[in-house]
């Protein structure tokens, strides 16, 4: 037990000077059970440790992928720590622990004066554990860095977040103000290649290699065990990802793709759903409400632009990068679906066509509430700088 306390104290000291992610200020820290979900490397662990450092209660950080929990139940560990005065428990990587949902429920019910903050994989469905935690837990999703956050982490530039409504109505005023704080296009290009995950600060040289390793890790240790997949299915999933990555955004013919993967249509759709939930792929559909995994996506994207550079390091398609950026940033706080006229429909109201500086309005001419999101430094009327959509969180 002492070595767990020592590990916690050592880890907490490592985050003293690190920037806080956007979600830190949005979480209601008064809740007794908080669960933060997100992709590997987005900063969940750092956020736990930052909260531990700022909290008044006696607390401890526990990583549930520690070998200690191979032979010891979390319930009993918490009972012993509670007896020694601990009232705050920061539990990392709960999805790696077999009894995560049962133990969290029991700990929550047994100790009314403690607080639990847990992190898990983005594929984790809190309502589908062995014990339903959805009524007890406040669940948050931590997304990758926005362009705005990247500038804060990389250049210590503080820019206020803007809403979609402000972008649509005042982009011609906001863009000149904001663009004075960074270099366009070089800073934006760097973000598109290196800026989605905070660990770019450690090393740009090994960043893309780490991303590739993380993608494999997510498939092998997050998706496969959680969904009880066979090794052959996980291998097929990696093969599918490799095939798709060469041609994203990809308009799928599901039957042909299933035949190429030597699997059934339903199995292929389920694999796409897994990769989407795990935030490796991003599926664009006609609707986002009550959608079954059996609904064929209209287009398939990689989840963020950095992944494009992983799979196409020499000649990534600039059109794909632009659309992927827009889809990724808007989907954090808005509903993004396919559009009959432009590239995307936002909140069933606004149509967007994404492109470069020379993109014409022909495709969306006459369409109500239609805009161009263009790779330009500043905009006018219904032409909006693409980078500005990275300032929303």
Protein backbone atom coordinates (compact mmCIF):
# COMPACT_ATOMS: atom_id res chain seq x y z
CA UNK A 1 0.00 0.00 0.00
CA UNK A 2 2.84 2.41 0.82
CA UNK A 3 4.28 2.10 -2.67
CA UNK A 4 0.92 3.21 -4.16
CA UNK A 5 1.00 6.35 -2.01
CA UNK A 6 4.61 7.03 -3.01
CA UNK A 7 3.76 6.62 -6.70
CA UNK A 8 0.86 9.03 -6.33
CA UNK A 9 2.95 11.70 -4.63
CA UNK A 10 5.70 11.38 -7.24
CA UNK A 11 3.25 11.64 -10.16
CA UNK A 12 1.51 14.69 -8.69
CA UNK A 13 4.80 16.62 -8.58
CA UNK A 14 5.32 16.08 -12.31
CA UNK A 15 2.34 18.25 -13.40
CA UNK A 16 3.00 21.36 -11.32
CA UNK A 17 3.89 23.60 -14.29
CA UNK A 18 1.68 22.05 -16.99
CA UNK A 19 -1.14 23.92 -18.74
CA UNK A 20 -4.70 22.86 -18.00
CA UNK A 21 -6.92 21.48 -20.74
CA UNK A 22 -10.17 23.24 -21.67
CA UNK A 23 -12.31 20.62 -19.89
CA UNK A 24 -10.81 21.31 -16.46
CA UNK A 25 -12.84 24.52 -16.15
CA UNK A 26 -16.04 22.90 -17.45
CA UNK A 27 -16.23 19.97 -15.02
CA UNK A 28 -18.51 20.29 -12.01
CA UNK A 29 -15.96 19.19 -9.42
CA UNK A 30 -18.67 19.02 -6.73
CA UNK A 31 -19.97 15.74 -8.14
CA UNK A 32 -19.20 12.62 -6.08
CA UNK A 33 -18.45 10.43 -9.11
CA UNK A 34 -16.89 11.93 -12.23
CA UNK A 35 -15.80 9.90 -15.24
CA UNK A 36 -13.68 11.43 -18.00
CA UNK A 37 -13.47 9.52 -21.27
CA UNK A 38 -11.00 10.14 -24.06
CA UNK A 39 -8.39 8.86 -26.49
CA UNK A 40 -4.94 7.79 -25.33
CA UNK A 41 -2.65 10.79 -24.87
CA UNK A 42 -5.21 13.63 -24.79
CA UNK A 43 -4.26 14.59 -21.24
CA UNK A 44 -6.65 12.67 -18.97
CA UNK A 45 -3.93 11.56 -16.54
CA UNK A 46 -2.46 15.06 -16.29
CA UNK A 47 -5.92 16.47 -15.52
CA UNK A 48 -6.42 13.94 -12.71
CA UNK A 49 -3.10 14.86 -11.16
CA UNK A 50 -3.76 18.58 -11.51
CA UNK A 51 -7.03 18.15 -9.64
CA UNK A 52 -5.27 16.08 -6.97
CA UNK A 53 -2.72 18.88 -6.50
CA UNK A 54 -5.42 21.54 -6.09
CA UNK A 55 -7.92 19.61 -3.95
CA UNK A 56 -8.26 20.19 -0.21
CA UNK A 57 -9.22 16.61 0.68
CA UNK A 58 -6.58 13.95 1.30
CA UNK A 59 -6.35 12.15 -2.01
CA UNK A 60 -4.48 9.52 -3.99
CA UNK A 61 -3.88 8.76 -7.66
CA UNK A 62 -4.22 5.09 -8.64
CA UNK A 63 -3.59 3.72 -12.13
CA UNK A 64 -5.71 0.61 -12.54
CA UNK A 65 -3.36 -0.91 -15.10
CA UNK A 66 -0.81 -1.22 -12.28
CA UNK A 67 0.27 -4.83 -11.64
CA UNK A 68 -0.94 -4.35 -8.06
CA UNK A 69 -4.54 -4.63 -9.28
CA UNK A 70 -3.90 -7.97 -10.93
CA UNK A 71 -3.95 -9.50 -7.45
CA UNK A 72 -5.85 -6.90 -5.39
CA UNK A 73 -9.43 -5.69 -5.65
CA UNK A 74 -10.00 -1.97 -5.87
CA UNK A 75 -12.81 -2.15 -3.32
CA UNK A 76 -10.48 -3.50 -0.64
CA UNK A 77 -7.71 -1.04 -1.56
CA UNK A 78 -10.09 1.91 -1.18
CA UNK A 79 -11.38 0.51 2.14
CA UNK A 80 -7.85 0.49 3.55
CA UNK A 81 -7.01 3.93 2.21
CA UNK A 82 -10.29 5.29 3.55
CA UNK A 83 -9.31 4.02 7.02
CA UNK A 84 -6.10 6.05 6.77
CA UNK A 85 -7.99 9.26 5.98
CA UNK A 86 -8.16 9.35 2.17
CA UNK A 87 -11.38 10.84 0.82
CA UNK A 88 -10.44 11.62 -2.79
CA UNK A 89 -9.65 8.83 -5.24
CA UNK A 90 -8.29 9.56 -8.72
CA UNK A 91 -8.61 6.36 -10.73
CA UNK A 92 -6.83 6.21 -14.08
CA UNK A 93 -7.38 3.73 -16.94
CA UNK A 94 -10.42 2.08 -15.33
CA UNK A 95 -11.20 0.17 -18.54
CA UNK A 96 -8.04 -1.89 -17.97
CA UNK A 97 -9.49 -3.26 -14.72
CA UNK A 98 -11.85 -6.23 -15.03
CA UNK A 99 -14.23 -5.24 -12.23
CA UNK A 100 -14.27 -1.51 -12.91
CA UNK A 101 -18.05 -0.97 -13.02
CA UNK A 102 -18.92 -3.24 -10.09
CA UNK A 103 -16.21 -1.81 -7.87
CA UNK A 104 -16.97 1.83 -8.70
CA UNK A 105 -20.65 1.27 -7.88
CA UNK A 106 -19.85 -0.45 -4.59
CA UNK A 107 -17.29 2.17 -3.53
CA UNK A 108 -19.76 4.94 -4.40
CA UNK A 109 -22.57 3.30 -2.43
CA UNK A 110 -20.45 2.31 0.58
CA UNK A 111 -18.75 5.66 1.24
CA UNK A 112 -20.96 8.74 1.09
CA UNK A 113 -18.19 11.16 2.05
CA UNK A 114 -15.68 10.37 -0.68
CA UNK A 115 -15.17 11.64 -4.21
CA UNK A 116 -14.10 9.48 -7.16
CA UNK A 117 -12.71 10.89 -10.40
CA UNK A 118 -12.01 8.18 -12.97
CA UNK A 119 -10.71 8.14 -16.54
CA UNK A 120 -11.28 5.59 -19.26
CA UNK A 121 -11.10 4.86 -22.94
CA UNK A 122 -13.43 6.75 -25.26
CA UNK A 123 -14.94 3.40 -26.26
CA UNK A 124 -16.21 2.82 -22.72
CA UNK A 125 -20.01 2.88 -22.41
CA UNK A 126 -20.72 3.71 -18.78
CA UNK A 127 -24.34 2.55 -19.07
CA UNK A 128 -23.32 -0.91 -20.26
CA UNK A 129 -21.02 -2.01 -17.46
CA UNK A 130 -21.94 -4.90 -15.19
CA UNK A 131 -23.29 -2.24 -12.83
CA UNK A 132 -25.13 0.71 -14.36
CA UNK A 133 -23.18 3.84 -13.38
CA UNK A 134 -25.01 6.24 -15.67
CA UNK A 135 -27.37 7.39 -12.88
CA UNK A 136 -24.51 7.98 -10.45
CA UNK A 137 -21.73 9.38 -12.62
CA UNK A 138 -21.21 12.75 -14.26
CA UNK A 139 -19.58 11.73 -17.56
CA UNK A 140 -17.37 14.07 -19.59
CA UNK A 141 -15.47 13.60 -22.86
CA UNK A 142 -11.99 15.05 -23.26
CA UNK A 143 -11.18 15.73 -26.91
CA UNK A 144 -7.85 16.42 -28.55
CA UNK A 145 -6.34 19.90 -28.61
CA UNK A 146 -8.18 22.53 -30.60
CA UNK A 147 -6.11 24.93 -32.68
CA UNK A 148 -6.78 27.52 -29.96
CA UNK A 149 -5.38 25.20 -27.26
CA UNK A 150 -2.40 24.32 -29.44
CA UNK A 151 -1.45 28.00 -29.63
CA UNK A 152 -1.74 28.27 -25.84
CA UNK A 153 0.37 25.16 -25.23
CA UNK A 154 2.91 25.89 -27.97
CA UNK A 155 3.25 29.67 -27.93
CA UNK A 156 1.58 30.72 -24.67
CA UNK A 157 -1.00 32.67 -26.68
CA UNK A 158 -4.27 33.23 -24.81
CA UNK A 159 -7.29 33.69 -27.08
CA UNK A 160 -10.92 33.58 -25.85
CA UNK A 161 -13.05 30.74 -27.17
CA UNK A 162 -15.69 31.78 -29.71
CA UNK A 163 -19.08 30.23 -30.47
CA UNK A 164 -20.29 29.08 -33.85
CA UNK A 165 -22.85 31.88 -33.81
CA UNK A 166 -20.09 34.45 -33.28
CA UNK A 167 -18.05 32.95 -36.10
CA UNK A 168 -20.98 33.09 -38.52
CA UNK A 169 -21.92 36.69 -37.70
CA UNK A 170 -18.61 38.34 -36.70
CA UNK A 171 -15.81 36.36 -38.35
CA UNK A 172 -14.73 39.40 -40.38
CA UNK A 173 -14.08 41.22 -37.05
CA UNK A 174 -12.70 38.30 -35.02
CA UNK A 175 -10.28 36.88 -37.62
CA UNK A 176 -8.04 40.02 -37.91
CA UNK A 177 -7.84 40.28 -34.09
CA UNK A 178 -6.89 36.63 -33.62
CA UNK A 179 -4.56 36.29 -36.61
CA UNK A 180 -2.27 38.98 -35.15
CA UNK A 181 -1.42 36.52 -32.35
CA UNK A 182 0.07 33.79 -34.57
CA UNK A 183 1.69 33.16 -37.94
CA UNK A 184 -0.60 32.01 -40.72
CA UNK A 185 -0.18 29.60 -42.43
CA UNK A 186 2.89 28.12 -40.67
CA UNK A 187 1.35 27.73 -37.18
CA UNK A 188 -1.84 26.30 -38.62
CA UNK A 189 0.10 23.84 -40.78
CA UNK A 190 2.11 22.72 -37.74
CA UNK A 191 -1.09 22.12 -35.80
CA UNK A 192 -2.58 20.04 -38.61
CA UNK A 193 0.48 17.79 -38.54
CA UNK A 194 1.60 17.79 -34.89
CA UNK A 195 -0.89 19.62 -32.70
CA UNK A 196 -3.83 17.38 -31.77
CA UNK A 197 -2.20 15.67 -28.76
CA UNK A 198 -0.34 17.46 -25.94
CA UNK A 199 2.66 15.13 -26.14
CA UNK A 200 3.86 17.01 -29.23
CA UNK A 201 5.65 19.14 -26.62
CA UNK A 202 7.92 16.19 -25.77
CA UNK A 203 9.30 15.67 -29.28
CA UNK A 204 8.15 16.54 -32.78
CA UNK A 205 10.65 14.11 -34.29
CA UNK A 206 9.03 11.04 -32.73
CA UNK A 207 5.47 12.40 -32.60
CA UNK A 208 4.04 10.58 -35.64
CA UNK A 209 5.76 7.34 -34.63
CA UNK A 210 4.17 7.61 -31.18
CA UNK A 211 0.78 8.22 -32.79
CA UNK A 212 1.08 5.06 -34.88
CA UNK A 213 2.05 3.07 -31.79
CA UNK A 214 -0.90 4.55 -29.91
CA UNK A 215 -3.37 3.57 -32.65
CA UNK A 216 -2.17 -0.04 -32.42
CA UNK A 217 -2.35 0.12 -28.63
CA UNK A 218 -5.94 1.39 -28.69
CA UNK A 219 -7.03 -1.44 -30.99
CA UNK A 220 -5.16 -4.12 -29.01
CA UNK A 221 -5.78 -2.98 -25.44
CA UNK A 222 -8.90 -0.78 -25.55
CA UNK A 223 -11.18 -2.11 -28.29
CA UNK A 224 -10.28 -5.81 -28.42
CA UNK A 225 -10.57 -6.67 -24.69
CA UNK A 226 -13.55 -4.39 -24.07
CA UNK A 227 -15.53 -5.90 -26.94
CA UNK A 228 -14.11 -9.39 -26.35
CA UNK A 229 -12.75 -9.59 -29.89
CA UNK A 230 -10.69 -12.46 -31.23
CA UNK A 231 -7.10 -11.75 -32.30
CA UNK A 232 -8.05 -12.33 -35.94
CA UNK A 233 -10.78 -9.66 -35.71
CA UNK A 234 -8.34 -7.14 -34.30
CA UNK A 235 -5.94 -7.91 -37.16
CA UNK A 236 -8.77 -7.46 -39.69
CA UNK A 237 -9.57 -4.12 -38.05
CA UNK A 238 -5.98 -2.96 -38.57
CA UNK A 239 -6.10 -4.12 -42.17
CA UNK A 240 -9.37 -2.23 -42.65
CA UNK A 241 -7.84 0.91 -41.17
CA UNK A 242 -4.84 0.64 -43.53
CA UNK A 243 -7.11 0.21 -46.56
CA UNK A 244 -9.33 3.16 -45.62
CA UNK A 245 -6.47 5.48 -44.68
CA UNK A 246 -5.17 5.47 -48.22
CA UNK A 247 -8.33 7.05 -49.62
CA UNK A 248 -10.06 9.09 -46.91
CA UNK A 249 -12.51 10.74 -47.08
CA UNK A 250 -13.87 7.44 -48.31
CA UNK A 251 -17.37 6.94 -49.71
CA UNK A 252 -17.93 3.30 -48.81
CA UNK A 253 -19.44 0.46 -50.78
CA UNK A 254 -19.98 -1.72 -47.71
CA UNK A 255 -20.57 -4.99 -49.56
CA UNK A 256 -17.42 -4.64 -51.68
CA UNK A 257 -15.38 -3.52 -48.69
CA UNK A 258 -16.62 -6.49 -46.64
CA UNK A 259 -15.68 -8.83 -49.48
CA UNK A 260 -12.21 -7.29 -49.63
CA UNK A 261 -11.82 -7.77 -45.85
CA UNK A 262 -13.16 -11.34 -46.17
CA UNK A 263 -15.86 -10.70 -43.61
CA UNK A 264 -19.61 -10.13 -43.44
CA UNK A 265 -21.36 -6.81 -44.00
CA UNK A 266 -22.59 -6.59 -40.40
CA UNK A 267 -19.17 -7.45 -38.98
CA UNK A 268 -17.58 -4.75 -41.13
CA UNK A 269 -20.13 -2.17 -39.95
CA UNK A 270 -19.48 -3.18 -36.35
CA UNK A 271 -15.72 -2.75 -36.84
CA UNK A 272 -16.27 0.70 -38.31
CA UNK A 273 -18.42 1.54 -35.28
CA UNK A 274 -15.67 0.39 -32.89
CA UNK A 275 -13.07 2.50 -34.69
CA UNK A 276 -15.41 5.49 -34.62
CA UNK A 277 -16.15 5.17 -30.89
CA UNK A 278 -12.43 4.76 -30.21
CA UNK A 279 -11.81 8.04 -32.11
CA UNK A 280 -9.58 6.53 -34.75
CA UNK A 281 -12.09 6.95 -37.56
CA UNK A 282 -14.84 9.55 -37.89
CA UNK A 283 -18.03 8.39 -39.60
CA UNK A 284 -20.15 11.01 -41.34
CA UNK A 285 -23.81 9.96 -41.40
CA UNK A 286 -27.12 11.43 -42.48
CA UNK A 287 -28.34 11.57 -38.88
CA UNK A 288 -26.74 11.49 -35.43
CA UNK A 289 -29.82 10.73 -33.31
CA UNK A 290 -30.59 7.12 -32.39
CA UNK A 291 -28.34 5.82 -35.14
CA UNK A 292 -27.59 2.09 -35.20
CA UNK A 293 -24.14 0.87 -36.17
CA UNK A 294 -25.92 -0.94 -39.03
CA UNK A 295 -26.57 2.39 -40.77
CA UNK A 296 -24.01 2.82 -43.52
CA UNK A 297 -21.92 5.99 -43.18
CA UNK A 298 -22.00 8.45 -46.06
CA UNK A 299 -18.28 9.10 -45.75
CA UNK A 300 -15.41 7.79 -43.64
CA UNK A 301 -12.70 10.11 -42.32
CA UNK A 302 -9.72 9.62 -40.06
CA UNK A 303 -10.57 11.18 -36.72
CA UNK A 304 -8.04 14.02 -36.82
CA UNK A 305 -5.57 15.53 -39.25
CA UNK A 306 -2.50 14.22 -37.41
CA UNK A 307 -3.60 10.66 -38.24
CA UNK A 308 -3.56 11.57 -41.95
CA UNK A 309 0.13 12.43 -41.63
CA UNK A 310 0.75 9.10 -39.89
CA UNK A 311 -0.63 7.11 -42.82
CA UNK A 312 0.44 9.48 -45.63
CA UNK A 313 3.64 11.12 -44.36
CA UNK A 314 4.94 12.16 -47.80
CA UNK A 315 1.96 13.40 -49.78
CA UNK A 316 -1.16 13.89 -47.63
CA UNK A 317 -4.17 15.15 -49.55
CA UNK A 318 -4.75 18.79 -48.61
CA UNK A 319 -8.48 18.58 -49.36
CA UNK A 320 -8.81 15.64 -46.99
CA UNK A 321 -6.86 17.52 -44.30
CA UNK A 322 -9.14 20.55 -44.53
CA UNK A 323 -12.37 18.52 -44.33
CA UNK A 324 -11.03 16.37 -41.51
CA UNK A 325 -10.08 19.45 -39.48
CA UNK A 326 -13.52 21.00 -39.92
CA UNK A 327 -15.35 17.76 -39.04
CA UNK A 328 -13.12 17.15 -36.02
CA UNK A 329 -13.41 20.62 -34.50
CA UNK A 330 -17.14 21.16 -35.10
CA UNK A 331 -18.20 17.74 -33.80
CA UNK A 332 -16.96 18.51 -30.27
CA UNK A 333 -19.97 20.74 -29.54
CA UNK A 334 -22.26 20.41 -32.55
CA UNK A 335 -24.10 17.82 -34.59
CA UNK A 336 -22.28 17.23 -37.88
CA UNK A 337 -24.03 15.29 -40.64
CA UNK A 338 -23.75 14.91 -44.41
CA UNK A 339 -25.35 17.46 -46.71
CA UNK A 340 -26.95 17.08 -50.13
CA UNK A 341 -25.38 20.32 -51.30
CA UNK A 342 -22.16 21.03 -49.38
CA UNK A 343 -19.67 18.92 -47.48
CA UNK A 344 -21.32 19.17 -44.06
CA UNK A 345 -24.56 20.10 -42.32
CA UNK A 346 -24.23 21.57 -38.81
CA UNK A 347 -27.09 21.23 -36.30
CA UNK A 348 -29.48 20.47 -39.18
CA UNK A 349 -29.30 24.19 -40.04
CA UNK A 350 -26.03 25.41 -41.53
CA UNK A 351 -24.42 24.03 -44.69
CA UNK A 352 -20.65 24.26 -45.20
CA UNK A 353 -18.44 23.67 -48.19
CA UNK A 354 -14.77 23.33 -47.23
CA UNK A 355 -11.87 24.16 -49.53
CA UNK A 356 -8.92 26.31 -50.53
CA UNK A 357 -8.77 29.99 -51.37
CA UNK A 358 -10.08 29.50 -54.93
CA UNK A 359 -13.14 27.44 -53.94
CA UNK A 360 -16.27 28.82 -55.64
CA UNK A 361 -19.80 29.09 -54.26
CA UNK A 362 -21.28 27.13 -57.18
CA UNK A 363 -22.15 24.03 -55.17
CA UNK A 364 -24.01 25.96 -52.46
CA UNK A 365 -25.40 28.82 -54.56
CA UNK A 366 -29.01 29.44 -53.58
CA UNK A 367 -28.80 27.18 -50.52
CA UNK A 368 -30.10 28.90 -47.34
CA UNK A 369 -27.64 29.29 -44.44
CA UNK A 370 -24.74 28.10 -46.58
CA UNK A 371 -21.11 29.13 -46.05
CA UNK A 372 -17.62 28.49 -47.37
CA UNK A 373 -14.94 27.46 -44.86
CA UNK A 374 -11.74 28.34 -46.70
CA UNK A 375 -8.04 27.93 -46.00
CA UNK A 376 -7.44 31.68 -45.98
CA UNK A 377 -6.13 34.16 -43.36
CA UNK A 378 -9.26 36.34 -43.29
CA UNK A 379 -12.76 36.19 -44.70
CA UNK A 380 -15.70 38.28 -45.86
CA UNK A 381 -19.46 37.80 -45.96
CA UNK A 382 -20.05 34.04 -46.23
CA UNK A 383 -16.39 33.15 -46.74
CA UNK A 384 -14.97 32.15 -43.34
CA UNK A 385 -11.34 31.31 -42.51
CA UNK A 386 -11.09 27.58 -41.86
CA UNK A 387 -8.66 28.03 -38.94
CA UNK A 388 -11.24 30.10 -37.04
CA UNK A 389 -13.30 26.95 -36.43
CA UNK A 390 -10.38 25.78 -34.29
CA UNK A 391 -11.11 28.53 -31.76
CA UNK A 392 -14.36 27.09 -30.39
CA UNK A 393 -12.99 25.30 -27.29
